[in-house]
PDB file of N, CA and C in Angstrom:
ATOM      1  N   MET A   1      65.634 -39.578 159.077  1.00  0.00           N
ATOM      2  CA  MET A   1      64.432 -39.043 158.463  1.00  0.00           C
ATOM      3  C   MET A   1      63.491 -38.403 159.492  1.00  0.00           C
ATOM      4  N   PRO A   2      63.273 -39.025 160.668  1.00  0.00           N
ATOM      5  CA  PRO A   2      62.392 -38.376 161.646  1.00  0.00           C
ATOM      6  C   PRO A   2      62.920 -37.011 162.115  1.00  0.00           C
ATOM      7  N   ASN A   3      64.259 -36.853 162.185  1.00  0.00           N
ATOM      8  CA  ASN A   3      64.802 -35.548 162.567  1.00  0.00           C
ATOM      9  C   ASN A   3      64.476 -34.499 161.515  1.00  0.00           C
ATOM     10  N   PHE A   4      64.559 -34.867 160.251  1.00  0.00           N
ATOM     11  CA  PHE A   4      64.230 -33.938 159.178  1.00  0.00           C
ATOM     12  C   PHE A   4      62.764 -33.524 159.245  1.00  0.00           C
ATOM     13  N   LEU A   5      61.884 -34.490 159.513  1.00  0.00           N
ATOM     14  CA  LEU A   5      60.458 -34.181 159.590  1.00  0.00           C
ATOM     15  C   LEU A   5      60.145 -33.285 160.787  1.00  0.00           C
ATOM     16  N   SER A   6      60.828 -33.496 161.892  1.00  0.00           N
ATOM     17  CA  SER A   6      60.616 -32.642 163.060  1.00  0.00           C
ATOM     18  C   SER A   6      61.058 -31.213 162.782  1.00  0.00           C
ATOM     19  N   ILE A   7      62.195 -31.068 162.149  1.00  0.00           N
ATOM     20  CA  ILE A   7      62.685 -29.730 161.802  1.00  0.00           C
ATOM     21  C   ILE A   7      61.760 -29.086 160.775  1.00  0.00           C
ATOM     22  N   ALA A   8      61.300 -29.881 159.811  1.00  0.00           N
ATOM     23  CA  ALA A   8      60.376 -29.352 158.799  1.00  0.00           C
ATOM     24  C   ALA A   8      59.072 -28.892 159.437  1.00  0.00           C
ATOM     25  N   GLN A   9      58.583 -29.633 160.431  1.00  0.00           N
ATOM     26  CA  GLN A   9      57.357 -29.234 161.117  1.00  0.00           C
ATOM     27  C   GLN A   9      57.545 -27.920 161.871  1.00  0.00           C
ATOM     28  N   ILE A  10      58.672 -27.753 162.516  1.00  0.00           N
ATOM     29  CA  ILE A  10      58.940 -26.518 163.258  1.00  0.00           C
ATOM     30  C   ILE A  10      59.014 -25.338 162.302  1.00  0.00           C
ATOM     31  N   VAL A  11      59.724 -25.511 161.197  1.00  0.00           N
ATOM     32  CA  VAL A  11      59.861 -24.429 160.220  1.00  0.00           C
ATOM     33  C   VAL A  11      58.509 -24.104 159.596  1.00  0.00           C
ATOM     34  N   LEU A  12      57.761 -25.129 159.202  1.00  0.00           N
ATOM     35  CA  LEU A  12      56.449 -24.902 158.590  1.00  0.00           C
ATOM     36  C   LEU A  12      55.474 -24.263 159.572  1.00  0.00           C
ATOM     37  N   ALA A  13      55.523 -24.670 160.834  1.00  0.00           N
ATOM     38  CA  ALA A  13      54.629 -24.076 161.831  1.00  0.00           C
ATOM     39  C   ALA A  13      54.950 -22.599 162.036  1.00  0.00           C
ATOM     40  N   THR A  14      56.227 -22.258 162.057  1.00  0.00           N
ATOM     41  CA  THR A  14      56.630 -20.863 162.216  1.00  0.00           C
ATOM     42  C   THR A  14      56.196 -20.030 161.015  1.00  0.00           C
ATOM     43  N   LEU A  15      56.431 -20.544 159.818  1.00  0.00           N
ATOM     44  CA  LEU A  15      56.023 -19.829 158.608  1.00  0.00           C
ATOM     45  C   LEU A  15      54.512 -19.701 158.511  1.00  0.00           C
ATOM     46  N   LEU A  16      53.796 -20.754 158.901  1.00  0.00           N
ATOM     47  CA  LEU A  16      52.333 -20.723 158.856  1.00  0.00           C
ATOM     48  C   LEU A  16      51.784 -19.702 159.845  1.00  0.00           C
ATOM     49  N   ALA A  17      52.340 -19.656 161.040  1.00  0.00           N
ATOM     50  CA  ALA A  17      51.892 -18.671 162.025  1.00  0.00           C
ATOM     51  C   ALA A  17      52.158 -17.254 161.528  1.00  0.00           C
ATOM     52  N   GLY A  18      53.318 -17.050 160.931  1.00  0.00           N
ATOM     53  CA  GLY A  18      53.627 -15.728 160.383  1.00  0.00           C
ATOM     54  C   GLY A  18      52.693 -15.338 159.255  1.00  0.00           C
ATOM     55  N   ALA A  19      52.379 -16.291 158.389  1.00  0.00           N
ATOM     56  CA  ALA A  19      51.473 -15.999 157.275  1.00  0.00           C
ATOM     57  C   ALA A  19      50.066 -15.689 157.775  1.00  0.00           C
ATOM     58  N   ILE A  20      49.630 -16.383 158.804  1.00  0.00           N
ATOM     59  CA  ILE A  20      48.306 -16.117 159.362  1.00  0.00           C
ATOM     60  C   ILE A  20      48.266 -14.747 160.018  1.00  0.00           C
ATOM     61  N   LEU A  21      49.312 -14.401 160.746  1.00  0.00           N
ATOM     62  CA  LEU A  21      49.347 -13.096 161.407  1.00  0.00           C
ATOM     63  C   LEU A  21      49.418 -11.947 160.410  1.00  0.00           C
ATOM     64  N   MET A  22      50.009 -12.187 159.250  1.00  0.00           N
ATOM     65  CA  MET A  22      50.104 -11.135 158.239  1.00  0.00           C
ATOM     66  C   MET A  22      48.773 -10.868 157.548  1.00  0.00           C
ATOM     67  N   GLN A  23      47.785 -11.739 157.753  1.00  0.00           N
ATOM     68  CA  GLN A  23      46.499 -11.589 157.089  1.00  0.00           C
ATOM     69  C   GLN A  23      45.500 -10.771 157.888  1.00  0.00           C
ATOM     70  N   SER A  24      45.912 -10.169 158.977  1.00  0.00           N
ATOM     71  CA  SER A  24      44.955  -9.420 159.793  1.00  0.00           C
ATOM     72  C   SER A  24      44.319  -8.317 158.967  1.00  0.00           C
ATOM     73  N   ARG A  25      43.048  -8.135 159.137  1.00  0.00           N
ATOM     74  CA  ARG A  25      42.304  -7.171 158.335  1.00  0.00           C
ATOM     75  C   ARG A  25      42.008  -5.906 159.113  1.00  0.00           C
ATOM     76  N   GLY A  26      42.736  -5.639 160.161  1.00  0.00           N
ATOM     77  CA  GLY A  26      42.508  -4.437 160.932  1.00  0.00           C
ATOM     78  C   GLY A  26      41.241  -4.500 161.757  1.00  0.00           C
ATOM     79  N   SER A  27      40.858  -5.686 162.189  1.00  0.00           N
ATOM     80  CA  SER A  27      39.630  -5.821 162.949  1.00  0.00           C
ATOM     81  C   SER A  27      39.885  -5.812 164.441  1.00  0.00           C
ATOM     82  N   GLY A  28      41.039  -5.421 164.874  1.00  0.00           N
ATOM     83  CA  GLY A  28      41.439  -5.408 166.271  1.00  0.00           C
ATOM     84  C   GLY A  28      40.370  -4.936 167.229  1.00  0.00           C
ATOM     85  N   LEU A  29      40.587  -3.826 167.889  1.00  0.00           N
ATOM     86  CA  LEU A  29      39.640  -3.303 168.857  1.00  0.00           C
ATOM     87  C   LEU A  29      38.556  -2.451 168.221  1.00  0.00           C
ATOM     88  N   SER A  30      38.660  -2.177 166.945  1.00  0.00           N
ATOM     89  CA  SER A  30      37.657  -1.327 166.308  1.00  0.00           C
ATOM     90  C   SER A  30      36.279  -1.981 166.315  1.00  0.00           C
ATOM     91  N   SER A  31      36.236  -3.326 166.252  1.00  0.00           N
ATOM     92  CA  SER A  31      34.943  -3.995 166.274  1.00  0.00           C
ATOM     93  C   SER A  31      34.303  -3.941 167.654  1.00  0.00           C
ATOM     94  N   VAL A  32      35.114  -3.770 168.703  1.00  0.00           N
ATOM     95  CA  VAL A  32      34.581  -3.668 170.048  1.00  0.00           C
ATOM     96  C   VAL A  32      33.782  -2.382 170.203  1.00  0.00           C
ATOM     97  N   PHE A  33      34.246  -1.332 169.581  1.00  0.00           N
ATOM     98  CA  PHE A  33      33.611  -0.028 169.711  1.00  0.00           C
ATOM     99  C   PHE A  33      32.636   0.275 168.575  1.00  0.00           C
ATOM    100  N   GLY A  34      32.234  -0.715 167.845  1.00  0.00           N
ATOM    101  CA  GLY A  34      31.204  -0.531 166.834  1.00  0.00           C
ATOM    102  C   GLY A  34      31.715  -0.251 165.439  1.00  0.00           C
ATOM    103  N   GLY A  35      32.994  -0.230 165.202  1.00  0.00           N
ATOM    104  CA  GLY A  35      33.522   0.040 163.871  1.00  0.00           C
ATOM    105  C   GLY A  35      33.707  -1.226 163.083  1.00  0.00           C
ATOM    106  N   GLU A  36      32.627  -1.736 162.541  1.00  0.00           N
ATOM    107  CA  GLU A  36      32.695  -2.971 161.784  1.00  0.00           C
ATOM    108  C   GLU A  36      32.857  -2.689 160.304  1.00  0.00           C
ATOM    109  N   SER A  37      33.643  -3.518 159.641  1.00  0.00           N
ATOM    110  CA  SER A  37      33.777  -3.397 158.189  1.00  0.00           C
ATOM    111  C   SER A  37      33.113  -4.619 157.566  1.00  0.00           C
ATOM    112  N   THR A  38      31.923  -4.437 157.048  1.00  0.00           N
ATOM    113  CA  THR A  38      31.165  -5.557 156.501  1.00  0.00           C
ATOM    114  C   THR A  38      31.101  -5.520 154.981  1.00  0.00           C
ATOM    115  N   PHE A  39      31.992  -4.772 154.359  1.00  0.00           N
ATOM    116  CA  PHE A  39      31.976  -4.709 152.903  1.00  0.00           C
ATOM    117  C   PHE A  39      32.856  -5.806 152.319  1.00  0.00           C
ATOM    118  N   TYR A  40      32.592  -6.146 151.087  1.00  0.00           N
ATOM    119  CA  TYR A  40      33.310  -7.207 150.391  1.00  0.00           C
ATOM    120  C   TYR A  40      34.380  -6.591 149.503  1.00  0.00           C
ATOM    121  N   HIS A  41      35.550  -7.180 149.526  1.00  0.00           N
ATOM    122  CA  HIS A  41      36.587  -6.743 148.601  1.00  0.00           C
ATOM    123  C   HIS A  41      37.388  -7.956 148.141  1.00  0.00           C
ATOM    124  N   THR A  42      37.932  -7.866 146.952  1.00  0.00           N
ATOM    125  CA  THR A  42      38.724  -8.965 146.416  1.00  0.00           C
ATOM    126  C   THR A  42      40.167  -8.803 146.844  1.00  0.00           C
ATOM    127  N   ARG A  43      40.832  -9.933 146.969  1.00  0.00           N
ATOM    128  CA  ARG A  43      42.255  -9.902 147.328  1.00  0.00           C
ATOM    129  C   ARG A  43      43.055  -9.574 146.074  1.00  0.00           C
ATOM    130  N   ARG A  44      43.984  -8.659 146.218  1.00  0.00           N
ATOM    131  CA  ARG A  44      44.828  -8.282 145.087  1.00  0.00           C
ATOM    132  C   ARG A  44      46.275  -8.197 145.541  1.00  0.00           C
ATOM    133  N   GLY A  45      47.160  -8.428 144.610  1.00  0.00           N
ATOM    134  CA  GLY A  45      48.583  -8.247 144.853  1.00  0.00           C
ATOM    135  C   GLY A  45      49.124  -9.135 145.947  1.00  0.00           C
ATOM    136  N   ILE A  46      49.828  -8.528 146.892  1.00  0.00           N
ATOM    137  CA  ILE A  46      50.507  -9.271 147.939  1.00  0.00           C
ATOM    138  C   ILE A  46      49.523  -9.973 148.865  1.00  0.00           C
ATOM    139  N   GLU A  47      48.330  -9.406 149.046  1.00  0.00           N
ATOM    140  CA  GLU A  47      47.320 -10.040 149.889  1.00  0.00           C
ATOM    141  C   GLU A  47      46.900 -11.387 149.308  1.00  0.00           C
ATOM    142  N   ASN A  48      46.767 -11.467 147.996  1.00  0.00           N
ATOM    143  CA  ASN A  48      46.415 -12.726 147.339  1.00  0.00           C
ATOM    144  C   ASN A  48      47.557 -13.739 147.459  1.00  0.00           C
ATOM    145  N   ILE A  49      48.786 -13.278 147.318  1.00  0.00           N
ATOM    146  CA  ILE A  49      49.946 -14.172 147.429  1.00  0.00           C
ATOM    147  C   ILE A  49      50.048 -14.742 148.839  1.00  0.00           C
ATOM    148  N   ILE A  50      49.852 -13.902 149.853  1.00  0.00           N
ATOM    149  CA  ILE A  50      49.920 -14.371 151.229  1.00  0.00           C
ATOM    150  C   ILE A  50      48.789 -15.361 151.512  1.00  0.00           C
ATOM    151  N   PHE A  51      47.607 -15.105 150.964  1.00  0.00           N
ATOM    152  CA  PHE A  51      46.468 -16.004 151.140  1.00  0.00           C
ATOM    153  C   PHE A  51      46.791 -17.399 150.596  1.00  0.00           C
ATOM    154  N   TRP A  52      47.293 -17.460 149.371  1.00  0.00           N
ATOM    155  CA  TRP A  52      47.602 -18.760 148.780  1.00  0.00           C
ATOM    156  C   TRP A  52      48.813 -19.409 149.434  1.00  0.00           C
ATOM    157  N   ALA A  53      49.770 -18.621 149.866  1.00  0.00           N
ATOM    158  CA  ALA A  53      50.932 -19.174 150.575  1.00  0.00           C
ATOM    159  C   ALA A  53      50.498 -19.816 151.893  1.00  0.00           C
ATOM    160  N   THR A  54      49.514 -19.219 152.550  1.00  0.00           N
ATOM    161  CA  THR A  54      49.002 -19.785 153.792  1.00  0.00           C
ATOM    162  C   THR A  54      48.354 -21.137 153.551  1.00  0.00           C
ATOM    163  N   ILE A  55      47.606 -21.247 152.473  1.00  0.00           N
ATOM    164  CA  ILE A  55      46.968 -22.521 152.142  1.00  0.00           C
ATOM    165  C   ILE A  55      48.020 -23.587 151.841  1.00  0.00           C
ATOM    166  N   VAL A  56      49.022 -23.234 151.055  1.00  0.00           N
ATOM    167  CA  VAL A  56      50.083 -24.190 150.708  1.00  0.00           C
ATOM    168  C   VAL A  56      50.855 -24.605 151.951  1.00  0.00           C
ATOM    169  N   LEU A  57      51.194 -23.645 152.815  1.00  0.00           N
ATOM    170  CA  LEU A  57      51.919 -23.973 154.044  1.00  0.00           C
ATOM    171  C   LEU A  57      51.098 -24.876 154.952  1.00  0.00           C
ATOM    172  N   ALA A  58      49.790 -24.655 155.027  1.00  0.00           N
ATOM    173  CA  ALA A  58      48.940 -25.507 155.851  1.00  0.00           C
ATOM    174  C   ALA A  58      48.904 -26.935 155.314  1.00  0.00           C
ATOM    175  N   ILE A  59      48.812 -27.072 154.001  1.00  0.00           N
ATOM    176  CA  ILE A  59      48.805 -28.411 153.396  1.00  0.00           C
ATOM    177  C   ILE A  59      50.137 -29.109 153.634  1.00  0.00           C
ATOM    178  N   LEU A  60      51.244 -28.380 153.467  1.00  0.00           N
ATOM    179  CA  LEU A  60      52.559 -28.973 153.711  1.00  0.00           C
ATOM    180  C   LEU A  60      52.737 -29.364 155.174  1.00  0.00           C
ATOM    181  N   PHE A  61      52.221 -28.543 156.085  1.00  0.00           N
ATOM    182  CA  PHE A  61      52.329 -28.852 157.510  1.00  0.00           C
ATOM    183  C   PHE A  61      51.545 -30.112 157.857  1.00  0.00           C
ATOM    184  N   VAL A  62      50.345 -30.243 157.308  1.00  0.00           N
ATOM    185  CA  VAL A  62      49.548 -31.448 157.563  1.00  0.00           C
ATOM    186  C   VAL A  62      50.233 -32.670 156.963  1.00  0.00           C
ATOM    187  N   ALA A  63      50.784 -32.527 155.774  1.00  0.00           N
ATOM    188  CA  ALA A  63      51.484 -33.656 155.141  1.00  0.00           C
ATOM    189  C   ALA A  63      52.708 -34.064 155.956  1.00  0.00           C
ATOM    190  N   ALA A  64      53.462 -33.096 156.461  1.00  0.00           N
ATOM    191  CA  ALA A  64      54.635 -33.418 157.288  1.00  0.00           C
ATOM    192  C   ALA A  64      54.214 -34.071 158.596  1.00  0.00           C
ATOM    193  N   SER A  65      53.091 -33.640 159.155  1.00  0.00           N
ATOM    194  CA  SER A  65      52.601 -34.226 160.400  1.00  0.00           C
ATOM    195  C   SER A  65      52.172 -35.673 160.186  1.00  0.00           C
ATOM    196  N   VAL A  66      51.455 -35.928 159.101  1.00  0.00           N
ATOM    197  CA  VAL A  66      51.019 -37.303 158.802  1.00  0.00           C
ATOM    198  C   VAL A  66      52.227 -38.183 158.508  1.00  0.00           C
ATOM    199  N   ALA A  67      53.186 -37.661 157.744  1.00  0.00           N
ATOM    200  CA  ALA A  67      54.391 -38.442 157.445  1.00  0.00           C
ATOM    201  C   ALA A  67      55.177 -38.744 158.715  1.00  0.00           C
ATOM    202  N   SER A  68      55.243 -37.778 159.621  1.00  0.00           N
ATOM    203  CA  SER A  68      55.943 -37.986 160.885  1.00  0.00           C
ATOM    204  C   SER A  68      55.225 -39.036 161.734  1.00  0.00           C
ATOM    205  N   PHE A  69      53.909 -39.054 161.670  1.00  0.00           N
ATOM    206  CA  PHE A  69      53.135 -40.038 162.425  1.00  0.00           C
ATOM    207  C   PHE A  69      53.316 -41.445 161.857  1.00  0.00           C
ATOM    208  N   LEU A  70      53.387 -41.562 160.543  1.00  0.00           N
ATOM    209  CA  LEU A  70      53.486 -42.872 159.900  1.00  0.00           C
ATOM    210  C   LEU A  70      54.879 -43.481 159.984  1.00  0.00           C
ATOM    211  N   ILE A  71      55.878 -42.630 160.130  1.00  0.00           N
ATOM    212  CA  ILE A  71      57.262 -43.153 160.164  1.00  0.00           C
ATOM    213  C   ILE A  71      57.702 -43.342 161.582  1.00  0.00           C
TER     214      ILE A  71
END
């Protein structure tokens, strides 16, 4: 069981990092040179799916970490 939890943590961490990186809003170096985007917009389509997938992956990662600690 501990081997399964370790593998699950690695997979979840990789997926979580990928989901977080996919959420970039184009704020790279443009904010350094004064190009700020301060307008509000709602998440639609794939952006909303990635947002909720990130939340679910984070919860699963924390649950796997706690389970790994307790076992």
